[in-house]
Amino acid sequence: MKIFRFISILLLISLCSQTVWGKDKKDETPKEKAPLLSGVGVGIDICGLAMKAVGARFANMEVCARVGLKEKFFPIFEIGIGDCTRYGGETTNVFSTRSPYWRIGMDYNFNKKLNGNRFLLGVRYGFSRYNYSFSCPDFADPVYGIASPLELDGLKGNNQWLELCIGFETKLWSIVRLGYNIRYKTRTMQSVSDLGEPYFVPGFGKNDNNTFGGTVYVTFDIGKTARSNNQKSLFGKRKKKEDTKDKKQETPPTETAPRAAKRRGN
């Protein structure tokens, strides 16, 4: 969670600074209308990968694919793997699961300008079929009091849930974009083993009726709006080489006749 907060703060600072710098500059370019198919993008959630890399108790690692329509509507499909291994704090119980999940939904962009920034509100419907297991090396038989290891493997679960997402996205450079969103999740259906409920549901998070989550996506967006000259990169625009060449090739102003005669000593 610390990594997720750190990435969130960095993105907020970068977007705020870009907004402040852009206030003094007037956009004199004519307004551009986005085409029906404004772009196609694929992305990866770097927050889930970072959590897995530092050994977090659980992590959802996912990728997404989306289509841009009129730079307003973004149908999206997300697929990933949820991984969790949790050891009991005061017991020797161990819960583990590693299974895929899917989400399908749509985002709507509230930003009216094609300036590289997108303010998104979206919905997702997620579902996951998963296997999970419990183990307890020091389990004591309640009748005879004999300690013997308990292992419950191959327990099956099935969850479906609804997500409400709010976030924003900005252009980093060329077709590379960085986006962040916060998600409120509510469970719509759950089917689990009679031997016990899972601690963690892949794609959903900690098993409960409601929970919060979030993602930090790096997306490669290919299309007309991604190549638009109106969009400003987070790192600023580069100077064109043609402009520097033209400056070098500029000829000095021609001398007037009196000045030329004075220079020759006449």
Protein backbone atom coordinates (compact mmCIF):
# COMPACT_ATOMS: atom_id res chain seq x y z
CA MET A 1 0.00 0.00 0.00
CA LYS A 2 2.95 2.35 0.64
CA ILE A 3 4.09 1.89 -2.97
CA PHE A 4 0.57 2.59 -4.22
CA ARG A 5 0.40 5.83 -2.19
CA PHE A 6 3.87 6.92 -3.33
CA ILE A 7 3.02 6.47 -7.02
CA SER A 8 -0.29 8.27 -6.47
CA ILE A 9 1.42 11.29 -4.90
CA LEU A 10 3.97 11.51 -7.73
CA LEU A 11 1.24 11.46 -10.36
CA LEU A 12 -0.81 14.10 -8.54
CA ILE A 13 2.21 16.41 -8.30
CA SER A 14 3.04 16.00 -11.99
CA LEU A 15 -0.52 16.74 -13.09
CA CYS A 16 -0.85 19.78 -10.81
CA SER A 17 2.44 21.22 -12.07
CA GLN A 18 1.40 20.70 -15.66
CA THR A 19 -1.89 22.52 -14.99
CA VAL A 20 -0.13 25.49 -13.36
CA TRP A 21 2.43 25.85 -16.17
CA GLY A 22 -0.27 25.71 -18.80
CA LYS A 23 -2.34 28.59 -17.35
CA ASP A 24 -0.08 31.33 -18.76
CA LYS A 25 -0.04 29.86 -22.26
CA LYS A 26 -3.01 30.52 -24.52
CA ASP A 27 -3.97 27.76 -26.88
CA GLU A 28 -4.14 29.51 -30.24
CA THR A 29 -4.51 26.30 -32.25
CA PRO A 30 -7.94 25.59 -33.73
CA LYS A 31 -10.14 23.07 -31.97
CA GLU A 32 -9.80 19.56 -33.31
CA LYS A 33 -12.63 17.05 -33.42
CA ALA A 34 -11.81 13.48 -32.53
CA PRO A 35 -12.79 10.77 -35.05
CA LEU A 36 -15.17 7.95 -34.20
CA LEU A 37 -12.26 5.52 -33.67
CA SER A 38 -9.86 7.80 -31.83
CA GLY A 39 -7.36 5.18 -30.71
CA VAL A 40 -6.51 1.70 -29.45
CA GLY A 41 -4.49 1.16 -26.29
CA VAL A 42 -2.89 -1.62 -24.26
CA GLY A 43 -1.59 -1.13 -20.74
CA ILE A 44 -0.08 -2.75 -17.67
CA ASP A 45 -0.69 -2.07 -13.98
CA ILE A 46 2.70 -1.19 -12.47
CA CYS A 47 1.29 -0.97 -8.93
CA GLY A 48 0.45 -4.68 -8.78
CA LEU A 49 3.87 -5.62 -10.15
CA ALA A 50 5.59 -3.39 -7.58
CA MET A 51 3.60 -4.94 -4.72
CA LYS A 52 4.58 -8.41 -5.89
CA ALA A 53 8.23 -7.40 -6.26
CA VAL A 54 8.50 -6.17 -2.65
CA GLY A 55 6.82 -9.29 -1.26
CA ALA A 56 3.39 -7.93 -0.31
CA ARG A 57 0.87 -10.36 1.22
CA PHE A 58 -1.34 -10.08 -1.86
CA ALA A 59 -1.20 -8.51 -5.31
CA ASN A 60 -3.35 -8.24 -8.42
CA MET A 61 -1.15 -8.21 -11.55
CA GLU A 62 -3.08 -7.26 -14.68
CA VAL A 63 -3.06 -5.89 -18.21
CA CYS A 64 -5.80 -4.16 -20.18
CA ALA A 65 -6.94 -3.46 -23.73
CA ARG A 66 -9.28 -0.63 -24.72
CA VAL A 67 -10.76 1.25 -27.67
CA GLY A 68 -11.29 5.03 -27.84
CA LEU A 69 -14.53 6.32 -29.39
CA LYS A 70 -14.72 10.09 -30.11
CA GLU A 71 -12.15 10.60 -27.29
CA LYS A 72 -15.10 10.25 -24.89
CA PHE A 73 -16.03 6.59 -24.53
CA PHE A 74 -13.44 3.89 -23.77
CA PRO A 75 -14.72 0.29 -23.70
CA ILE A 76 -12.11 -1.70 -21.77
CA PHE A 77 -11.22 -5.31 -20.97
CA GLU A 78 -8.91 -6.20 -18.08
CA ILE A 79 -7.36 -9.57 -17.29
CA GLY A 80 -4.96 -10.52 -14.53
CA ILE A 81 -3.76 -12.95 -11.89
CA GLY A 82 -4.47 -12.53 -8.19
CA ASP A 83 -1.85 -13.93 -5.81
CA CYS A 84 -2.05 -14.17 -2.03
CA THR A 85 -0.20 -16.07 0.71
CA ARG A 86 -1.21 -15.06 4.24
CA TYR A 87 0.17 -16.45 7.47
CA GLY A 88 -1.94 -16.21 10.62
CA GLY A 89 -0.68 -13.58 13.06
CA GLU A 90 -1.23 -15.60 16.27
CA THR A 91 -1.66 -19.04 14.72
CA THR A 92 0.15 -21.25 12.24
CA ASN A 93 -2.73 -21.09 9.73
CA VAL A 94 -1.79 -20.40 6.12
CA PHE A 95 -4.15 -19.28 3.35
CA SER A 96 -3.03 -19.26 -0.30
CA THR A 97 -4.53 -18.72 -3.74
CA ARG A 98 -3.26 -17.87 -7.22
CA SER A 99 -5.91 -17.65 -9.94
CA PRO A 100 -6.96 -15.48 -12.91
CA TYR A 101 -9.75 -12.90 -13.05
CA TRP A 102 -11.46 -10.75 -15.69
CA ARG A 103 -13.18 -7.39 -15.84
CA ILE A 104 -15.15 -5.68 -18.58
CA GLY A 105 -16.51 -2.14 -18.58
CA MET A 106 -16.28 1.40 -19.94
CA ASP A 107 -14.76 4.78 -19.03
CA TYR A 108 -16.11 8.23 -19.92
CA ASN A 109 -13.78 11.21 -20.41
CA PHE A 110 -15.09 14.49 -18.94
CA ASN A 111 -12.31 16.64 -20.39
CA LYS A 112 -13.66 18.58 -23.39
CA LYS A 113 -10.22 19.52 -24.74
CA LEU A 114 -7.84 17.30 -26.71
CA ASN A 115 -4.84 18.36 -24.64
CA GLY A 116 -3.54 14.96 -23.55
CA ASN A 117 -5.37 14.85 -20.20
CA ARG A 118 -8.36 12.63 -19.48
CA PHE A 119 -10.61 12.81 -16.42
CA LEU A 120 -12.36 9.46 -16.31
CA LEU A 121 -15.43 8.01 -14.63
CA GLY A 122 -16.13 4.36 -15.33
CA VAL A 123 -17.76 1.10 -14.34
CA ARG A 124 -16.48 -2.48 -14.37
CA TYR A 125 -18.02 -5.88 -13.90
CA GLY A 126 -15.53 -8.43 -12.59
CA PHE A 127 -15.64 -12.17 -12.22
CA SER A 128 -13.23 -14.85 -11.04
CA ARG A 129 -13.21 -18.62 -10.68
CA TYR A 130 -10.41 -19.62 -8.34
CA ASN A 131 -8.92 -22.37 -6.17
CA TYR A 132 -7.71 -21.75 -2.65
CA SER A 133 -6.24 -23.76 0.22
CA PHE A 134 -5.91 -23.74 4.00
CA SER A 135 -3.23 -25.43 6.06
CA CYS A 136 -2.48 -25.66 9.78
CA PRO A 137 0.64 -27.63 10.82
CA ASP A 138 -0.28 -27.58 14.54
CA PHE A 139 -3.98 -28.39 14.27
CA ALA A 140 -5.28 -30.09 17.47
CA ASP A 141 -8.07 -32.64 17.16
CA PRO A 142 -11.03 -31.23 19.17
CA VAL A 143 -12.07 -34.72 20.41
CA TYR A 144 -8.81 -36.54 21.18
CA GLY A 145 -6.55 -33.50 21.57
CA ILE A 146 -3.93 -35.00 19.29
CA ALA A 147 -1.93 -32.51 17.20
CA SER A 148 -1.82 -33.38 13.53
CA PRO A 149 -1.30 -31.24 10.43
CA LEU A 150 -4.45 -30.14 8.60
CA GLU A 151 -4.36 -29.42 4.87
CA LEU A 152 -7.36 -28.44 2.75
CA ASP A 153 -6.33 -28.14 -0.90
CA GLY A 154 -8.31 -27.55 -4.08
CA LEU A 155 -11.18 -25.62 -2.52
CA LYS A 156 -13.15 -23.85 -5.24
CA GLY A 157 -14.73 -20.40 -5.26
CA ASN A 158 -16.62 -18.19 -7.68
CA ASN A 159 -17.09 -14.43 -7.21
CA GLN A 160 -18.64 -11.62 -9.21
CA TRP A 161 -18.60 -7.92 -8.34
CA LEU A 162 -19.29 -4.39 -9.59
CA GLU A 163 -16.74 -1.55 -9.57
CA LEU A 164 -17.16 2.23 -9.74
CA CYS A 165 -13.93 3.92 -10.92
CA ILE A 166 -12.75 7.52 -10.91
CA GLY A 167 -9.33 8.59 -12.15
CA PHE A 168 -7.24 10.67 -14.50
CA GLU A 169 -4.67 10.08 -17.20
CA THR A 170 -1.98 12.18 -18.86
CA LYS A 171 0.39 11.92 -21.79
CA LEU A 172 4.01 11.18 -20.85
CA TRP A 173 5.70 11.10 -24.23
CA SER A 174 4.60 10.19 -27.76
CA ILE A 175 2.15 7.26 -27.39
CA VAL A 176 3.04 6.53 -23.74
CA ARG A 177 0.45 7.55 -21.13
CA LEU A 178 0.26 7.30 -17.33
CA GLY A 179 -3.07 6.84 -15.56
CA TYR A 180 -4.36 6.36 -12.04
CA ASN A 181 -7.77 5.40 -10.67
CA ILE A 182 -9.51 4.59 -7.40
CA ARG A 183 -12.15 1.86 -7.34
CA TYR A 184 -15.07 1.15 -5.05
CA LYS A 185 -16.02 -2.54 -5.28
CA THR A 186 -19.21 -4.22 -4.17
CA ARG A 187 -19.82 -7.96 -4.30
CA THR A 188 -22.82 -9.22 -6.27
CA MET A 189 -22.36 -13.00 -6.01
CA GLN A 190 -20.18 -15.48 -4.13
CA SER A 191 -20.00 -19.26 -4.10
CA VAL A 192 -17.37 -20.91 -1.88
CA SER A 193 -16.61 -24.21 -0.21
CA ASP A 194 -18.52 -25.26 2.91
CA LEU A 195 -15.17 -25.85 4.63
CA GLY A 196 -14.41 -22.15 4.81
CA GLU A 197 -14.48 -18.79 3.02
CA PRO A 198 -11.36 -17.40 1.32
CA TYR A 199 -9.39 -14.56 2.89
CA PHE A 200 -8.60 -13.03 -0.52
CA VAL A 201 -10.51 -13.06 -3.84
CA PRO A 202 -8.37 -12.62 -7.00
CA GLY A 203 -9.20 -9.31 -8.69
CA PHE A 204 -11.48 -8.19 -5.87
CA GLY A 205 -9.19 -8.02 -2.87
CA LYS A 206 -9.83 -8.90 0.77
CA ASN A 207 -13.03 -10.90 0.93
CA ASP A 208 -15.89 -8.71 2.15
CA ASN A 209 -19.16 -7.24 0.90
CA ASN A 210 -17.42 -3.99 -0.11
CA THR A 211 -13.83 -2.84 -0.49
CA PHE A 212 -11.60 -0.25 -2.16
CA GLY A 213 -8.78 -0.69 -4.65
CA GLY A 214 -6.81 1.11 -7.31
CA THR A 215 -4.47 0.78 -10.27
CA VAL A 216 -1.61 2.77 -11.81
CA TYR A 217 -1.51 2.06 -15.54
CA VAL A 218 1.21 2.69 -18.10
CA THR A 219 -0.64 2.59 -21.44
CA PHE A 220 0.54 2.60 -25.04
CA ASP A 221 -2.17 4.47 -26.93
CA ILE A 222 -2.09 4.29 -30.74
CA GLY A 223 -4.41 6.44 -32.84
CA LYS A 224 -5.19 9.89 -34.20
CA THR A 225 -5.60 11.55 -30.80
CA ALA A 226 -2.29 10.07 -29.65
CA ARG A 227 -0.50 11.81 -32.54
CA SER A 228 -2.39 15.10 -32.21
CA ASN A 229 -0.22 18.22 -32.12
CA ASN A 230 -2.57 19.79 -29.56
CA GLN A 231 -1.58 17.28 -26.89
CA LYS A 232 1.18 18.41 -24.56
CA SER A 233 3.68 15.95 -23.19
CA LEU A 234 4.31 15.87 -19.46
CA PHE A 235 7.99 16.57 -20.23
CA GLY A 236 7.24 19.45 -22.62
CA LYS A 237 7.64 19.77 -26.36
CA ARG A 238 10.95 19.24 -28.08
CA LYS A 239 12.36 21.83 -30.41
CA LYS A 240 12.11 20.90 -34.04
CA LYS A 241 15.38 20.44 -35.90
CA GLU A 242 13.93 22.19 -38.93
CA ASP A 243 13.56 25.42 -36.95
CA THR A 244 17.23 25.43 -35.96
CA LYS A 245 18.33 24.72 -39.52
CA ASP A 246 16.24 27.58 -40.85
CA LYS A 247 17.82 29.95 -38.35
CA LYS A 248 21.31 28.93 -39.43
CA GLN A 249 20.50 29.35 -43.10
CA GLU A 250 19.10 32.85 -42.71
CA THR A 251 21.09 35.35 -44.85
CA PRO A 252 22.21 38.65 -43.31
CA PRO A 253 20.35 41.79 -44.38
CA THR A 254 21.64 43.49 -47.53
CA GLU A 255 23.67 46.65 -47.12
CA THR A 256 22.43 49.96 -48.47
CA ALA A 257 24.47 51.75 -51.13
CA PRO A 258 25.70 54.64 -48.90
CA ARG A 259 26.80 52.23 -46.19
CA ALA A 260 28.65 50.02 -48.69
CA ALA A 261 30.45 53.06 -50.18
CA LYS A 262 31.50 54.27 -46.70
CA ARG A 263 32.90 50.82 -45.90
CA ARG A 264 35.05 50.87 -49.08
CA GLY A 265 36.47 54.24 -48.12
CA ASN A 266 34.79 56.22 -50.92
